[in-house]
PDB file of N, CA and C in Angstrom:
ATOM      1  N   MET A   1      21.199  -5.903  22.629  1.00  0.00           N
ATOM      2  CA  MET A   1      21.616  -7.100  22.484  1.00  0.00           C
ATOM      3  C   MET A   1      20.308  -7.351  23.686  1.00  0.00           C
ATOM      4  N   SER A   2      20.038  -8.818  23.602  1.00  0.00           N
ATOM      5  CA  SER A   2      19.128  -9.404  24.378  1.00  0.00           C
ATOM      6  C   SER A   2      19.411  -9.065  25.819  1.00  0.00           C
ATOM      7  N   SER A   3      18.522  -8.821  26.912  1.00  0.00           N
ATOM      8  CA  SER A   3      18.561  -8.833  28.235  1.00  0.00           C
ATOM      9  C   SER A   3      18.538 -10.334  28.987  1.00  0.00           C
ATOM     10  N   THR A   4      18.539 -11.143  28.248  1.00  0.00           N
ATOM     11  CA  THR A   4      18.785 -12.827  28.526  1.00  0.00           C
ATOM     12  C   THR A   4      20.530 -13.061  28.809  1.00  0.00           C
ATOM     13  N   LEU A   5      21.345 -12.125  27.861  1.00  0.00           N
ATOM     14  CA  LEU A   5      22.484 -12.639  27.595  1.00  0.00           C
ATOM     15  C   LEU A   5      23.361 -12.363  28.559  1.00  0.00           C
ATOM     16  N   LEU A   6      24.719 -12.984  29.025  1.00  0.00           N
ATOM     17  CA  LEU A   6      25.426 -12.049  29.616  1.00  0.00           C
ATOM     18  C   LEU A   6      26.327 -11.863  28.285  1.00  0.00           C
ATOM     19  N   HIS A   7      26.949 -10.926  28.971  1.00  0.00           N
ATOM     20  CA  HIS A   7      28.358  -9.949  27.733  1.00  0.00           C
ATOM     21  C   HIS A   7      29.349 -10.809  28.362  1.00  0.00           C
ATOM     22  N   ILE A   8      30.588 -11.340  27.544  1.00  0.00           N
ATOM     23  CA  ILE A   8      32.023 -11.519  28.251  1.00  0.00           C
ATOM     24  C   ILE A   8      32.447 -10.666  28.804  1.00  0.00           C
ATOM     25  N   CYS A   9      32.583  -9.812  28.425  1.00  0.00           N
ATOM     26  CA  CYS A   9      32.594  -8.178  28.932  1.00  0.00           C
ATOM     27  C   CYS A   9      33.041  -7.850  30.539  1.00  0.00           C
ATOM     28  N   LEU A  10      31.970  -8.470  30.845  1.00  0.00           N
ATOM     29  CA  LEU A  10      32.090  -8.402  32.701  1.00  0.00           C
ATOM     30  C   LEU A  10      32.538  -9.267  33.479  1.00  0.00           C
ATOM     31  N   GLU A  11      33.334 -10.325  32.621  1.00  0.00           N
ATOM     32  CA  GLU A  11      34.253 -11.360  32.982  1.00  0.00           C
ATOM     33  C   GLU A  11      35.638 -11.146  33.002  1.00  0.00           C
ATOM     34  N   THR A  12      36.247 -10.103  32.284  1.00  0.00           N
ATOM     35  CA  THR A  12      37.195  -9.797  31.963  1.00  0.00           C
ATOM     36  C   THR A  12      38.249  -9.018  33.271  1.00  0.00           C
ATOM     37  N   ASP A  13      39.300  -9.280  33.048  1.00  0.00           N
ATOM     38  CA  ASP A  13      40.252  -8.409  34.175  1.00  0.00           C
ATOM     39  C   ASP A  13      39.870  -6.907  34.478  1.00  0.00           C
ATOM     40  N   SER A  14      39.782  -6.230  33.301  1.00  0.00           N
ATOM     41  CA  SER A  14      39.477  -4.675  33.568  1.00  0.00           C
ATOM     42  C   SER A  14      38.333  -4.263  33.997  1.00  0.00           C
ATOM     43  N   ALA A  15      36.879  -5.760  34.044  1.00  0.00           N
ATOM     44  CA  ALA A  15      36.074  -5.424  34.437  1.00  0.00           C
ATOM     45  C   ALA A  15      35.593  -4.796  36.186  1.00  0.00           C
ATOM     46  N   PRO A  16      34.574  -4.075  36.591  1.00  0.00           N
ATOM     47  CA  PRO A  16      34.406  -3.419  37.702  1.00  0.00           C
ATOM     48  C   PRO A  16      34.234  -4.978  38.581  1.00  0.00           C
ATOM     49  N   ASP A  17      35.048  -4.959  39.884  1.00  0.00           N
ATOM     50  CA  ASP A  17      34.902  -5.600  40.875  1.00  0.00           C
ATOM     51  C   ASP A  17      33.177  -5.984  41.245  1.00  0.00           C
ATOM     52  N   ALA A  18      32.972  -6.935  41.185  1.00  0.00           N
ATOM     53  CA  ALA A  18      31.293  -7.590  41.418  1.00  0.00           C
ATOM     54  C   ALA A  18      31.021  -7.250  43.117  1.00  0.00           C
ATOM     55  N   GLN A  19      32.182  -7.264  43.803  1.00  0.00           N
ATOM     56  CA  GLN A  19      31.898  -7.157  45.119  1.00  0.00           C
ATOM     57  C   GLN A  19      32.208  -5.849  45.904  1.00  0.00           C
ATOM     58  N   ALA A  20      32.767  -5.079  44.668  1.00  0.00           N
ATOM     59  CA  ALA A  20      32.876  -3.579  45.499  1.00  0.00           C
ATOM     60  C   ALA A  20      31.619  -2.811  45.497  1.00  0.00           C
ATOM     61  N   GLU A  21      31.633  -1.926  46.167  1.00  0.00           N
ATOM     62  CA  GLU A  21      30.454  -1.075  46.369  1.00  0.00           C
ATOM     63  C   GLU A  21      30.545   0.434  45.423  1.00  0.00           C
ATOM     64  N   PHE A  22      29.440   0.409  44.388  1.00  0.00           N
ATOM     65  CA  PHE A  22      29.730   1.448  43.147  1.00  0.00           C
ATOM     66  C   PHE A  22      28.748   2.531  43.474  1.00  0.00           C
ATOM     67  N   GLU A  23      28.762   3.462  43.232  1.00  0.00           N
ATOM     68  CA  GLU A  23      27.902   4.972  43.590  1.00  0.00           C
ATOM     69  C   GLU A  23      26.639   4.460  42.078  1.00  0.00           C
ATOM     70  N   VAL A  24      25.316   4.419  42.365  1.00  0.00           N
ATOM     71  CA  VAL A  24      24.192   4.193  41.478  1.00  0.00           C
ATOM     72  C   VAL A  24      24.645   5.393  40.169  1.00  0.00           C
ATOM     73  N   GLY A  25      24.493   4.798  38.953  1.00  0.00           N
ATOM     74  CA  GLY A  25      24.787   6.126  38.007  1.00  0.00           C
ATOM     75  C   GLY A  25      26.158   6.011  37.675  1.00  0.00           C
ATOM     76  N   SER A  26      26.831   5.019  38.394  1.00  0.00           N
ATOM     77  CA  SER A  26      28.548   5.024  37.542  1.00  0.00           C
ATOM     78  C   SER A  26      28.689   4.473  36.399  1.00  0.00           C
ATOM     79  N   ARG A  27      29.415   4.843  35.530  1.00  0.00           N
ATOM     80  CA  ARG A  27      29.314   4.578  33.906  1.00  0.00           C
ATOM     81  C   ARG A  27      30.630   3.504  33.923  1.00  0.00           C
ATOM     82  N   TRP A  28      30.923   2.483  33.063  1.00  0.00           N
ATOM     83  CA  TRP A  28      32.230   2.407  33.147  1.00  0.00           C
ATOM     84  C   TRP A  28      31.661   1.411  31.149  1.00  0.00           C
ATOM     85  N   VAL A  29      33.255   1.905  30.172  1.00  0.00           N
ATOM     86  CA  VAL A  29      33.150   1.537  29.232  1.00  0.00           C
ATOM     87  C   VAL A  29      34.076   0.657  28.944  1.00  0.00           C
ATOM     88  N   CYS A  30      33.591  -0.620  28.188  1.00  0.00           N
ATOM     89  CA  CYS A  30      34.826  -1.532  28.106  1.00  0.00           C
ATOM     90  C   CYS A  30      35.716  -1.674  26.822  1.00  0.00           C
ATOM     91  N   GLU A  31      36.614  -2.180  26.941  1.00  0.00           N
ATOM     92  CA  GLU A  31      37.036  -2.350  25.815  1.00  0.00           C
ATOM     93  C   GLU A  31      36.636  -2.616  24.356  1.00  0.00           C
ATOM     94  N   CYS A  32      35.769  -3.261  24.487  1.00  0.00           N
ATOM     95  CA  CYS A  32      35.395  -3.199  22.912  1.00  0.00           C
ATOM     96  C   CYS A  32      34.179  -2.246  22.548  1.00  0.00           C
ATOM     97  N   GLY A  33      33.608  -1.505  23.600  1.00  0.00           N
ATOM     98  CA  GLY A  33      33.096   0.126  22.987  1.00  0.00           C
ATOM     99  C   GLY A  33      31.498  -0.025  23.782  1.00  0.00           C
ATOM    100  N   LEU A  34      31.379  -1.706  24.647  1.00  0.00           N
ATOM    101  CA  LEU A  34      29.838  -1.436  25.155  1.00  0.00           C
ATOM    102  C   LEU A  34      29.655  -0.531  26.088  1.00  0.00           C
ATOM    103  N   ASN A  35      28.751   0.492  26.357  1.00  0.00           N
ATOM    104  CA  ASN A  35      29.064   0.980  27.624  1.00  0.00           C
ATOM    105  C   ASN A  35      27.998   0.744  28.663  1.00  0.00           C
ATOM    106  N   TYR A  36      28.216   0.419  29.766  1.00  0.00           N
ATOM    107  CA  TYR A  36      27.740  -0.032  30.931  1.00  0.00           C
ATOM    108  C   TYR A  36      27.328   1.129  32.182  1.00  0.00           C
ATOM    109  N   VAL A  37      26.235   0.996  32.946  1.00  0.00           N
ATOM    110  CA  VAL A  37      25.606   1.672  33.998  1.00  0.00           C
ATOM    111  C   VAL A  37      25.455   0.951  35.058  1.00  0.00           C
ATOM    112  N   PHE A  38      25.649   1.670  36.307  1.00  0.00           N
ATOM    113  CA  PHE A  38      25.898   0.667  37.255  1.00  0.00           C
ATOM    114  C   PHE A  38      24.043   1.365  37.855  1.00  0.00           C
ATOM    115  N   HIS A  39      23.184   0.481  38.109  1.00  0.00           N
ATOM    116  CA  HIS A  39      21.852   1.270  38.500  1.00  0.00           C
ATOM    117  C   HIS A  39      21.154  -0.050  39.112  1.00  0.00           C
ATOM    118  N   GLU A  40      19.739   0.552  39.568  1.00  0.00           N
ATOM    119  CA  GLU A  40      19.187  -0.775  40.096  1.00  0.00           C
ATOM    120  C   GLU A  40      17.766  -1.042  39.261  1.00  0.00           C
ATOM    121  N   GLY A  41      17.950  -2.385  39.350  1.00  0.00           N
ATOM    122  CA  GLY A  41      16.923  -3.216  38.258  1.00  0.00           C
ATOM    123  C   GLY A  41      16.821  -4.421  38.663  1.00  0.00           C
ATOM    124  N   PHE A  42      16.001  -5.276  37.593  1.00  0.00           N
ATOM    125  CA  PHE A  42      15.931  -6.830  37.977  1.00  0.00           C
ATOM    126  C   PHE A  42      16.587  -7.457  37.625  1.00  0.00           C
ATOM    127  N   ASN A  43      17.051  -8.396  38.571  1.00  0.00           N
ATOM    128  CA  ASN A  43      17.834  -9.889  37.996  1.00  0.00           C
ATOM    129  C   ASN A  43      16.906 -10.689  37.039  1.00  0.00           C
ATOM    130  N   ARG A  44      17.458 -12.182  36.546  1.00  0.00           N
ATOM    131  CA  ARG A  44      16.650 -12.937  35.902  1.00  0.00           C
ATOM    132  C   ARG A  44      15.613 -13.818  36.916  1.00  0.00           C
ATOM    133  N   GLY A  45      15.790 -13.727  37.849  1.00  0.00           N
ATOM    134  CA  GLY A  45      14.778 -14.554  39.198  1.00  0.00           C
ATOM    135  C   GLY A  45      13.577 -13.493  39.476  1.00  0.00           C
ATOM    136  N   GLY A  46      13.992 -12.182  38.900  1.00  0.00           N
ATOM    137  CA  GLY A  46      12.750 -11.115  39.446  1.00  0.00           C
ATOM    138  C   GLY A  46      12.857 -10.135  40.366  1.00  0.00           C
ATOM    139  N   GLY A  47      13.982 -10.584  40.892  1.00  0.00           N
ATOM    140  CA  GLY A  47      14.537  -9.910  42.557  1.00  0.00           C
ATOM    141  C   GLY A  47      14.943  -8.671  41.803  1.00  0.00           C
ATOM    142  N   LEU A  48      14.881  -7.288  42.930  1.00  0.00           N
ATOM    143  CA  LEU A  48      15.559  -6.004  42.551  1.00  0.00           C
ATOM    144  C   LEU A  48      16.643  -5.939  42.982  1.00  0.00           C
ATOM    145  N   THR A  49      17.811  -5.749  42.063  1.00  0.00           N
ATOM    146  CA  THR A  49      19.062  -6.026  42.863  1.00  0.00           C
ATOM    147  C   THR A  49      19.895  -4.569  41.859  1.00  0.00           C
ATOM    148  N   ASN A  50      20.945  -4.085  42.460  1.00  0.00           N
ATOM    149  CA  ASN A  50      21.846  -3.306  41.941  1.00  0.00           C
ATOM    150  C   ASN A  50      23.142  -3.628  41.293  1.00  0.00           C
ATOM    151  N   ALA A  51      23.062  -3.689  39.763  1.00  0.00           N
ATOM    152  CA  ALA A  51      24.178  -4.252  39.104  1.00  0.00           C
ATOM    153  C   ALA A  51      24.298  -3.645  37.724  1.00  0.00           C
ATOM    154  N   TRP A  52      25.268  -3.990  37.330  1.00  0.00           N
ATOM    155  CA  TRP A  52      25.781  -2.949  35.630  1.00  0.00           C
ATOM    156  C   TRP A  52      24.783  -4.008  34.641  1.00  0.00           C
ATOM    157  N   PHE A  53      24.332  -2.802  33.928  1.00  0.00           N
ATOM    158  CA  PHE A  53      23.511  -3.026  32.674  1.00  0.00           C
ATOM    159  C   PHE A  53      23.911  -2.310  31.620  1.00  0.00           C
ATOM    160  N   VAL A  54      23.855  -2.758  30.765  1.00  0.00           N
ATOM    161  CA  VAL A  54      24.183  -2.117  29.338  1.00  0.00           C
ATOM    162  C   VAL A  54      23.266  -1.253  28.908  1.00  0.00           C
ATOM    163  N   ALA A  55      24.174  -0.006  28.472  1.00  0.00           N
ATOM    164  CA  ALA A  55      23.557   1.324  28.523  1.00  0.00           C
ATOM    165  C   ALA A  55      23.908   2.041  27.174  1.00  0.00           C
ATOM    166  N   PRO A  56      23.140   3.026  26.619  1.00  0.00           N
ATOM    167  CA  PRO A  56      23.482   3.720  25.187  1.00  0.00           C
ATOM    168  C   PRO A  56      24.633   4.656  25.927  1.00  0.00           C
ATOM    169  N   ALA A  57      25.498   5.049  25.083  1.00  0.00           N
ATOM    170  CA  ALA A  57      26.510   5.631  25.090  1.00  0.00           C
ATOM    171  C   ALA A  57      26.023   7.197  25.493  1.00  0.00           C
ATOM    172  N   LEU A  58      26.805   7.981  26.235  1.00  0.00           N
ATOM    173  CA  LEU A  58      26.327   9.303  26.424  1.00  0.00           C
ATOM    174  C   LEU A  58      26.565  10.236  24.800  1.00  0.00           C
ATOM    175  N   PRO A  59      25.797  11.052  24.342  1.00  0.00           N
ATOM    176  CA  PRO A  59      25.987  11.877  23.168  1.00  0.00           C
ATOM    177  C   PRO A  59      26.987  12.983  23.838  1.00  0.00           C
ATOM    178  N   LYS A  60      28.040  13.508  23.102  1.00  0.00           N
ATOM    179  CA  LYS A  60      29.108  14.462  22.947  1.00  0.00           C
ATOM    180  C   LYS A  60      28.530  15.444  22.555  1.00  0.00           C
ATOM    181  N   GLN A  61      28.655  16.711  23.466  1.00  0.00           N
ATOM    182  CA  GLN A  61      28.333  18.083  22.843  1.00  0.00           C
ATOM    183  C   GLN A  61      28.541  18.674  21.599  1.00  0.00           C
ATOM    184  N   ARG A  62      27.895  19.399  21.155  1.00  0.00           N
ATOM    185  CA  ARG A  62      28.619  19.849  19.840  1.00  0.00           C
ATOM    186  C   ARG A  62      28.721  21.459  20.111  1.00  0.00           C
ATOM    187  N   GLY A  63      29.459  22.100  19.343  1.00  0.00           N
ATOM    188  CA  GLY A  63      29.500  23.452  19.423  1.00  0.00           C
ATOM    189  C   GLY A  63      28.569  24.126  19.281  1.00  0.00           C
ATOM    190  N   PRO A  64      27.971  25.333  19.236  1.00  0.00           N
ATOM    191  CA  PRO A  64      26.922  26.170  18.881  1.00  0.00           C
ATOM    192  C   PRO A  64      26.395  25.984  17.452  1.00  0.00           C
ATOM    193  N   VAL A  65      24.975  26.026  17.317  1.00  0.00           N
ATOM    194  CA  VAL A  65      24.377  25.326  16.396  1.00  0.00           C
ATOM    195  C   VAL A  65      24.387  26.685  15.446  1.00  0.00           C
ATOM    196  N   VAL A  66      24.914  27.717  15.570  1.00  0.00           N
ATOM    197  CA  VAL A  66      24.719  28.978  14.587  1.00  0.00           C
ATOM    198  C   VAL A  66      25.825  28.731  13.579  1.00  0.00           C
ATOM    199  N   LYS A  67      27.095  27.430  14.147  1.00  0.00           N
ATOM    200  CA  LYS A  67      28.334  27.582  12.988  1.00  0.00           C
ATOM    201  C   LYS A  67      27.487  26.785  11.787  1.00  0.00           C
ATOM    202  N   LEU A  68      26.290  25.788  12.451  1.00  0.00           N
ATOM    203  CA  LEU A  68      26.214  25.080  11.829  1.00  0.00           C
ATOM    204  C   LEU A  68      25.365  25.657  10.282  1.00  0.00           C
ATOM    205  N   LEU A  69      24.868  26.196  11.212  1.00  0.00           N
ATOM    206  CA  LEU A  69      23.339  27.093  10.028  1.00  0.00           C
ATOM    207  C   LEU A  69      23.936  27.930   9.212  1.00  0.00           C
ATOM    208  N   PHE A  70      25.097  28.870   9.399  1.00  0.00           N
ATOM    209  CA  PHE A  70      25.747  30.282   8.671  1.00  0.00           C
ATOM    210  C   PHE A  70      26.798  29.651   8.429  1.00  0.00           C
ATOM    211  N   GLY A  71      27.850  29.650   7.457  1.00  0.00           N
ATOM    212  CA  GLY A  71      28.918  29.805   7.253  1.00  0.00           C
ATOM    213  C   GLY A  71      30.142  30.964   7.602  1.00  0.00           C
ATOM    214  N   PRO A  72      31.068  30.736   7.101  1.00  0.00           N
ATOM    215  CA  PRO A  72      31.968  32.170   7.263  1.00  0.00           C
ATOM    216  C   PRO A  72      31.279  33.218   6.754  1.00  0.00           C
ATOM    217  N   ARG A  73      31.255  34.230   6.708  1.00  0.00           N
ATOM    218  CA  ARG A  73      31.384  35.889   6.234  1.00  0.00           C
ATOM    219  C   ARG A  73      31.912  36.021   4.879  1.00  0.00           C
ATOM    220  N   LYS A  74      31.486  35.942   4.184  1.00  0.00           N
ATOM    221  CA  LYS A  74      32.460  36.347   2.091  1.00  0.00           C
ATOM    222  C   LYS A  74      32.082  37.562   2.102  1.00  0.00           C
ATOM    223  N   GLY A  75      33.208  38.069   1.355  1.00  0.00           N
ATOM    224  CA  GLY A  75      32.754  39.412   0.849  1.00  0.00           C
ATOM    225  C   GLY A  75      32.752  40.672   1.521  1.00  0.00           C
TER     226      GLY A  75
END
């Protein structure tokens, strides 16, 4: 997604209120599956601002790697 485009998810009713205060690092996942994080960044005018920015999803932790390398014992 280009940084110059506005995504419509931020305009929906379920989106976080733009006037509210959020802790830096807070995450929000839209109904469409896009992930947003609230952090400090630059706006279109080049000013430093705190806002919601698109971010990659957090990876899920997997189980122990040993289970992937070795199957159950046989015999």
